[in-house]
Protein backbone atom coordinates (compact mmCIF):
# COMPACT_ATOMS: atom_id res chain seq x y z
CA MET A 1 44.04 -139.00 70.07
CA ALA A 2 41.75 -139.00 67.04
CA THR A 3 41.63 -142.04 64.76
CA THR A 4 43.61 -141.50 61.56
CA TYR A 5 42.13 -142.18 58.13
CA GLY A 6 44.08 -142.33 54.88
CA ILE A 7 42.68 -140.90 51.65
CA ILE A 8 44.26 -141.81 48.31
CA MET A 9 43.41 -139.37 45.53
CA ALA A 10 43.24 -141.58 42.44
CA GLY A 11 41.08 -139.64 40.00
CA GLY A 12 43.78 -138.30 37.68
CA VAL A 13 43.82 -139.21 33.98
CA GLY A 14 47.62 -139.15 33.57
CA ALA A 15 47.56 -137.40 30.18
CA ARG A 16 51.31 -136.76 30.28
CA PHE A 17 51.85 -140.54 30.32
CA TRP A 18 50.06 -141.23 27.06
CA PRO A 19 50.14 -143.63 25.23
CA LEU A 20 50.66 -146.04 28.15
CA SER A 21 48.19 -144.14 30.34
CA ARG A 22 44.55 -144.13 29.21
CA GLU A 23 41.31 -142.83 30.76
CA ARG A 24 40.24 -146.23 32.07
CA LYS A 25 43.74 -147.19 33.17
CA PRO A 26 45.72 -144.03 33.91
CA LYS A 27 49.20 -143.70 35.36
CA GLN A 28 48.34 -144.73 38.93
CA PHE A 29 47.36 -148.22 37.72
CA LEU A 30 50.60 -148.79 35.80
CA SER A 31 53.59 -150.80 37.00
CA ILE A 32 56.26 -148.44 35.75
CA PHE A 33 59.04 -149.13 38.26
CA ASP A 34 58.05 -152.32 40.03
CA LYS A 35 55.77 -155.33 39.83
CA GLU A 36 53.33 -153.33 41.92
CA SER A 37 51.31 -150.53 40.37
CA LEU A 38 51.77 -147.01 41.74
CA ILE A 39 48.41 -147.14 43.56
CA GLN A 40 49.32 -150.49 45.14
CA MET A 41 52.60 -149.02 46.36
CA THR A 42 50.72 -146.03 47.80
CA PHE A 43 48.18 -148.26 49.58
CA ASN A 44 50.92 -150.42 51.11
CA ARG A 45 52.86 -147.36 52.34
CA LEU A 46 49.76 -145.95 54.04
CA ARG A 47 49.15 -149.26 55.82
CA LYS A 48 52.26 -148.57 57.89
CA VAL A 49 50.49 -145.58 59.45
CA VAL A 50 46.75 -146.30 58.97
CA ASP A 51 44.71 -149.45 59.55
CA LYS A 52 43.62 -150.77 56.14
CA LYS A 53 39.96 -150.60 57.18
CA ASN A 54 40.45 -146.83 57.50
CA ILE A 55 41.96 -146.25 54.04
CA PHE A 56 39.68 -144.64 51.45
CA VAL A 57 40.20 -144.15 47.73
CA VAL A 58 38.58 -141.35 45.72
CA ALA A 59 38.52 -142.18 42.01
CA ASN A 60 36.71 -141.36 38.80
CA ALA A 61 33.64 -143.54 38.21
CA MET A 62 35.15 -145.02 35.04
CA GLN A 63 38.11 -146.28 37.12
CA GLN A 64 35.99 -148.27 39.56
CA ASN A 65 36.91 -151.70 38.16
CA ALA A 66 40.60 -150.80 38.04
CA VAL A 67 40.62 -149.79 41.72
CA ILE A 68 38.87 -153.03 42.72
CA GLU A 69 41.33 -155.07 40.65
CA HIS A 70 44.43 -153.38 42.05
CA LEU A 71 43.30 -153.04 45.68
CA PRO A 72 41.44 -156.23 46.63
CA ASP A 73 42.02 -155.45 50.34
CA LEU A 74 40.19 -152.12 50.10
CA PRO A 75 36.78 -152.37 51.81
CA GLU A 76 34.04 -151.90 49.21
CA GLU A 77 32.43 -149.09 51.20
CA ASN A 78 35.75 -147.19 51.23
CA LEU A 79 35.73 -146.53 47.49
CA ILE A 80 34.30 -143.06 46.77
CA LEU A 81 33.52 -142.33 43.12
CA GLU A 82 33.43 -138.94 41.43
CA PRO A 83 31.27 -138.66 38.28
CA ILE A 84 33.77 -136.21 36.74
CA GLY A 85 37.10 -134.80 37.83
CA ARG A 86 36.95 -131.44 39.60
CA ASN A 87 40.53 -131.21 40.94
CA THR A 88 41.66 -131.78 44.53
CA ALA A 89 39.44 -129.47 46.62
CA PRO A 90 36.13 -131.22 45.74
CA CYS A 91 37.89 -134.60 45.97
CA ILE A 92 39.14 -133.90 49.50
CA GLY A 93 35.84 -132.33 50.56
CA LEU A 94 33.86 -135.35 49.35
CA ALA A 95 36.14 -137.71 51.27
CA ALA A 96 35.84 -135.54 54.38
CA ILE A 97 32.05 -135.68 54.56
CA HIS A 98 32.05 -139.46 54.01
CA ILE A 99 34.56 -140.04 56.78
CA LYS A 100 32.78 -137.63 59.11
CA HIS A 101 29.69 -139.84 58.82
CA ARG A 102 31.78 -142.67 60.22
CA ASP A 103 33.92 -140.73 62.69
CA PRO A 104 33.22 -137.02 63.40
CA ASP A 105 36.56 -136.58 65.21
CA ALA A 106 38.72 -138.20 62.55
CA MET A 107 42.19 -137.18 61.38
CA MET A 108 42.87 -137.28 57.62
CA ILE A 109 46.06 -138.09 55.72
CA ILE A 110 45.65 -137.23 52.03
CA VAL A 111 48.13 -138.54 49.45
CA PRO A 112 48.13 -138.78 45.65
CA ALA A 113 47.99 -142.29 44.19
CA ASP A 114 50.90 -141.93 41.79
CA HIS A 115 54.00 -140.89 43.73
CA ILE A 116 57.25 -142.76 44.23
CA ILE A 117 58.78 -142.94 47.74
CA GLN A 118 62.15 -144.67 47.97
CA ASP A 119 62.71 -144.53 51.75
CA VAL A 120 59.43 -145.80 53.16
CA ASP A 121 60.69 -145.91 56.76
CA GLU A 122 61.61 -142.21 56.68
CA PHE A 123 58.32 -141.40 54.98
CA THR A 124 56.48 -143.23 57.76
CA ARG A 125 58.40 -141.29 60.42
CA VAL A 126 57.61 -137.92 58.84
CA LEU A 127 53.94 -138.82 58.38
CA THR A 128 53.65 -139.96 61.99
CA ASN A 129 55.15 -136.66 63.18
CA ALA A 130 52.74 -134.76 60.92
CA VAL A 131 49.76 -136.54 62.50
CA ASP A 132 51.07 -135.63 65.97
CA VAL A 133 51.43 -131.95 65.02
CA ALA A 134 47.96 -131.87 63.43
CA ASN A 135 46.46 -133.43 66.56
CA GLU A 136 48.18 -130.95 68.87
CA THR A 137 47.65 -127.77 66.84
CA GLY A 138 44.41 -128.36 64.96
CA ASP A 139 46.12 -126.60 62.03
CA LEU A 140 46.62 -127.49 58.38
CA ILE A 141 49.73 -129.61 57.81
CA THR A 142 51.51 -130.37 54.55
CA ILE A 143 54.67 -132.19 53.54
CA GLY A 144 57.37 -130.32 51.62
CA ILE A 145 60.26 -131.99 49.83
CA LYS A 146 63.81 -130.69 50.15
CA PRO A 147 64.66 -129.64 46.58
CA THR A 148 67.64 -131.21 44.83
CA ARG A 149 67.56 -129.09 41.66
CA PRO A 150 65.91 -125.89 40.35
CA GLU A 151 62.75 -127.67 39.20
CA THR A 152 60.24 -125.59 37.22
CA GLY A 153 57.52 -128.25 37.18
CA TYR A 154 56.66 -128.08 40.90
CA GLY A 155 55.06 -125.53 43.17
CA TYR A 156 57.13 -124.36 46.14
CA ILE A 157 56.54 -123.70 49.84
CA GLN A 158 58.57 -121.09 51.76
CA TYR A 159 58.87 -121.79 55.48
CA ILE A 160 60.07 -119.92 58.56
CA GLU A 161 62.86 -121.64 60.43
CA GLU A 162 62.56 -120.73 64.11
CA SER A 163 64.08 -121.94 67.35
CA GLU A 164 62.24 -124.51 69.43
CA LYS A 165 61.52 -121.72 71.93
CA LYS A 166 59.46 -119.88 69.30
CA ASN A 167 58.22 -123.03 67.57
CA PRO A 168 57.57 -125.98 69.91
CA TYR A 169 56.98 -128.27 66.91
CA ALA A 170 60.43 -127.73 65.41
CA GLU A 171 61.62 -130.87 67.21
CA LYS A 172 59.20 -132.83 65.03
CA GLY A 173 60.50 -131.08 61.92
CA ALA A 174 57.43 -128.84 61.51
CA TYR A 175 57.78 -125.19 60.47
CA ARG A 176 55.30 -122.41 59.93
CA VAL A 177 54.58 -121.70 56.27
CA LYS A 178 55.38 -118.20 55.05
CA THR A 179 54.00 -118.48 51.54
CA PHE A 180 53.14 -120.79 48.66
CA ALA A 181 54.66 -120.13 45.24
CA GLU A 182 53.36 -121.24 41.85
CA LYS A 183 55.56 -123.16 39.40
CA PRO A 184 58.49 -120.78 38.75
CA ASN A 185 60.64 -120.06 35.72
CA LEU A 186 64.21 -121.35 35.81
CA SER A 187 65.86 -118.22 37.24
CA THR A 188 63.27 -118.01 40.02
CA ALA A 189 63.66 -121.72 40.79
CA GLU A 190 67.43 -121.19 41.07
CA ARG A 191 66.85 -118.37 43.57
CA PHE A 192 64.48 -120.59 45.57
CA LEU A 193 67.13 -123.31 45.72
CA GLU A 194 69.87 -120.89 46.79
CA SER A 195 67.75 -119.35 49.55
CA GLY A 196 67.50 -122.65 51.42
CA ASP A 197 64.03 -121.94 52.85
CA PHE A 198 61.90 -123.26 49.98
CA LEU A 199 60.56 -126.79 49.60
CA TRP A 200 58.80 -128.54 46.75
CA ASN A 201 55.04 -128.82 47.27
CA SER A 202 54.35 -132.56 47.47
CA GLY A 203 50.54 -132.39 47.44
CA MET A 204 50.28 -134.41 50.69
CA PHE A 205 48.16 -133.08 53.56
CA ILE A 206 47.29 -133.94 57.17
CA TRP A 207 44.50 -132.36 59.25
CA LYS A 208 41.41 -132.91 61.33
CA ILE A 209 38.12 -133.30 59.47
CA ASP A 210 36.54 -130.31 61.20
CA THR A 211 39.57 -128.17 60.36
CA ILE A 212 39.41 -128.72 56.61
CA LEU A 213 35.61 -128.46 56.44
CA HIS A 214 35.80 -125.16 58.32
CA GLU A 215 38.46 -123.87 55.90
CA ILE A 216 36.36 -124.93 52.89
CA HIS A 217 33.39 -123.12 54.42
CA GLU A 218 35.50 -119.96 54.84
CA ARG A 219 37.41 -120.03 51.55
CA LEU A 220 35.15 -121.96 49.17
CA PRO A 221 31.55 -121.36 50.28
CA GLU A 222 30.02 -122.64 47.02
CA LEU A 223 31.87 -125.94 47.38
CA HIS A 224 30.83 -126.12 51.03
CA ASP A 225 27.17 -125.68 50.02
CA GLY A 226 27.51 -128.46 47.46
CA LEU A 227 29.09 -130.78 50.00
CA ASN A 228 26.26 -130.07 52.44
CA THR A 229 23.76 -131.03 49.74
CA ILE A 230 25.60 -134.31 49.13
CA ASN A 231 26.02 -134.93 52.86
CA LYS A 232 22.25 -135.06 53.37
CA THR A 233 21.96 -137.95 50.89
CA ILE A 234 24.81 -140.22 52.02
CA ASN A 235 23.49 -143.76 52.54
CA THR A 236 20.24 -142.93 50.74
CA GLY A 237 18.91 -143.78 47.30
CA ASP A 238 19.34 -140.15 46.21
CA TYR A 239 23.09 -140.10 46.71
CA ASP A 240 24.37 -140.93 43.19
CA ALA A 241 22.05 -138.48 41.44
CA THR A 242 22.90 -135.75 43.96
CA VAL A 243 26.66 -136.19 43.57
CA ASP A 244 26.30 -136.08 39.80
CA GLN A 245 24.20 -132.91 39.94
CA VAL A 246 26.50 -131.12 42.40
CA TYR A 247 29.68 -132.07 40.53
CA ARG A 248 28.32 -130.63 37.30
CA MET A 249 27.71 -127.30 39.03
CA ILE A 250 30.80 -126.81 41.19
CA ARG A 251 33.99 -125.35 39.74
CA SER A 252 37.23 -127.24 39.38
CA ILE A 253 39.78 -125.94 41.89
CA SER A 254 42.84 -127.29 43.69
CA ILE A 255 43.08 -127.43 47.46
CA ASP A 256 46.33 -125.46 47.20
CA TYR A 257 44.80 -122.50 45.38
CA GLY A 258 41.40 -122.71 47.07
CA VAL A 259 42.50 -123.19 50.68
CA MET A 260 46.20 -123.60 51.45
CA GLU A 261 47.44 -120.36 49.86
CA LYS A 262 44.82 -118.36 51.77
CA ALA A 263 44.89 -120.13 55.15
CA GLU A 264 46.51 -118.39 58.10
CA ARG A 265 47.78 -121.35 60.13
CA VAL A 266 49.76 -123.86 58.09
CA TYR A 267 52.75 -125.99 59.06
CA VAL A 268 55.07 -127.84 56.70
CA LEU A 269 57.23 -130.85 57.55
CA ARG A 270 60.37 -131.26 55.50
CA GLY A 271 60.67 -134.62 53.75
CA GLU A 272 63.83 -136.29 52.48
CA PHE A 273 62.68 -139.77 51.52
CA GLY A 274 63.40 -140.13 47.82
CA TRP A 275 60.18 -138.55 46.56
CA SER A 276 59.04 -138.18 42.97
CA ASP A 277 55.61 -137.26 41.65
CA VAL A 278 56.43 -139.15 38.42
CA GLY A 279 54.79 -136.29 36.56
CA SER A 280 56.12 -137.02 33.09
CA TRP A 281 58.17 -139.43 31.01
CA ASP A 282 61.17 -137.18 31.70
CA GLU A 283 60.78 -137.92 35.40
CA VAL A 284 60.65 -141.66 34.62
CA TYR A 285 63.96 -141.25 32.81
CA ARG A 286 65.45 -139.32 35.73
CA VAL A 287 64.65 -141.90 38.42
CA ASN A 288 65.29 -145.05 36.33
CA SER A 289 68.59 -146.90 36.13
CA LYS A 290 70.55 -146.41 32.91
CA ASP A 291 72.96 -148.46 30.85
CA LYS A 292 76.55 -147.32 30.20
CA HIS A 293 75.29 -145.08 27.37
CA GLY A 294 72.73 -143.31 29.56
CA ASN A 295 69.73 -145.14 28.09
CA ALA A 296 66.82 -146.09 30.38
CA ILE A 297 65.34 -149.24 28.85
CA HIS A 298 62.15 -151.20 29.46
CA GLY A 299 61.05 -154.22 27.41
CA ARG A 300 62.41 -155.39 24.07
CA VAL A 301 64.94 -152.78 22.96
CA VAL A 302 68.02 -152.82 20.73
CA THR A 303 70.31 -149.75 20.71
CA ARG A 304 73.39 -148.88 18.69
CA ASN A 305 75.24 -145.56 18.84
CA SER A 306 72.34 -144.12 20.90
CA HIS A 307 72.67 -142.15 24.11
CA ASN A 308 70.56 -140.74 26.95
CA ASN A 309 67.21 -142.05 25.67
CA LEU A 310 64.15 -143.41 27.44
CA LEU A 311 62.96 -146.45 25.46
CA HIS A 312 59.82 -148.18 26.74
CA SER A 313 58.49 -151.17 24.82
CA SER A 314 55.25 -152.84 25.84
CA LYS A 315 55.34 -155.59 23.19
CA ARG A 316 57.16 -154.90 19.94
CA THR A 317 60.90 -154.38 19.66
CA ILE A 318 62.21 -150.82 19.61
CA ALA A 319 65.49 -150.46 17.68
CA THR A 320 67.45 -147.21 17.61
CA TYR A 321 70.58 -146.11 15.79
CA GLY A 322 72.37 -142.80 16.05
CA VAL A 323 69.77 -140.98 18.15
CA ASP A 324 70.21 -139.13 21.44
CA ASP A 325 67.95 -137.55 24.06
CA LEU A 326 64.69 -139.09 22.86
CA ILE A 327 61.67 -140.57 24.60
CA VAL A 328 60.10 -143.49 22.73
CA VAL A 329 57.09 -145.30 24.21
CA GLU A 330 55.43 -148.19 22.34
CA THR A 331 52.01 -149.73 22.99
CA ASP A 332 49.70 -151.99 20.96
CA ASP A 333 48.04 -149.10 19.14
CA ALA A 334 50.33 -146.07 19.43
CA ILE A 335 53.95 -144.94 19.53
CA LEU A 336 55.11 -141.72 21.19
CA VAL A 337 58.35 -140.07 20.07
CA CYS A 338 59.44 -136.81 21.67
CA LYS A 339 62.55 -134.96 22.78
CA ARG A 340 63.67 -135.42 26.34
CA GLY A 341 62.84 -132.28 28.25
CA GLU A 342 59.53 -131.75 26.45
CA SER A 343 57.37 -134.62 27.72
CA GLN A 344 55.37 -132.28 29.99
CA ASP A 345 53.62 -131.23 26.75
CA VAL A 346 52.51 -134.73 25.77
CA LYS A 347 49.10 -133.76 27.16
CA GLU A 348 48.75 -131.48 24.09
CA VAL A 349 48.78 -134.63 21.93
CA VAL A 350 46.01 -136.06 24.11
CA ASP A 351 44.01 -132.84 23.82
CA PHE A 352 44.35 -132.97 20.02
CA ILE A 353 43.20 -136.60 19.93
CA ARG A 354 40.21 -135.68 22.11
CA ARG A 355 39.25 -132.80 19.82
CA LYS A 356 39.39 -135.17 16.85
CA HIS A 357 37.15 -137.65 18.76
CA VAL A 358 39.55 -140.56 18.27
CA ASP A 359 38.19 -142.11 21.43
CA ASP A 360 39.87 -145.51 21.01
CA LEU A 361 43.22 -143.77 21.65
CA LEU A 362 42.04 -142.20 24.90
């Protein structure tokens, strides 16, 4: 069986988590739920399936020091830096060519750096089964999450439930993918939930190196050409300049849109392990414990006649009276106040700040 390598995608800027998340220390480096940061939790989960010497992190160059600080056990040569973010397809392709230099027959597990998993043992079981299916089939494997509500903020995966006679991998919980669906409106999400054959798209993937590089060659030839150019310079003095040049030319595209939605042989394993992508402050409210008035509180907070709020203080005291359904996040230099249910749009505040060149707030 091929050696398994873990790849943590850590290049996101976490704009929806402003003002706590900043460019040099985005969401994945924050300790929102635990003493450990999200990236530390991700690294420690992967170690249950992958030897730590085989775990790689792909991050933005400006996050290099943060990765080193948070993951002291990560081998220095396993940190891959992107000069600028270009979404998940280039990120995964860059990791693939680096690992292929070390091990041409490798198996890859790709996970985002900023997810919450509550049942780590079940997560480990599902991931182990996914590696087995990828080894046996040579196909693209992804993890889908059994939906618990008609969520409009996630993509969906429709799968085909077949008998073990038609699908020998059903015993491992793997099903052939019928289609991928973009983020739906509420009525469509309700239909997906009622149908029973749709899963949330978790953004986790398992496959052989040669499989994904072949798919990139078929579906994203320009990216494949760029990766080949970079590949020729790995471990040479021309590498950094070449990566910078290629990244400024290639287009930003997700692995879902660029490869997964077009691929012909994809399996999905259904996951029920307390998953959250922690995609917004609303999601933080949803998964946090609340007081008897429905308030999720962090730090120095005083509430009176206030209900169903998320109140996150980094230093100063937050005091509320007579307010409901708010998100309030305080940091040294900024305070965010927004309605619960609208925190997905906090990135618009960040975009405005960027246009105004108020760089100290980014």
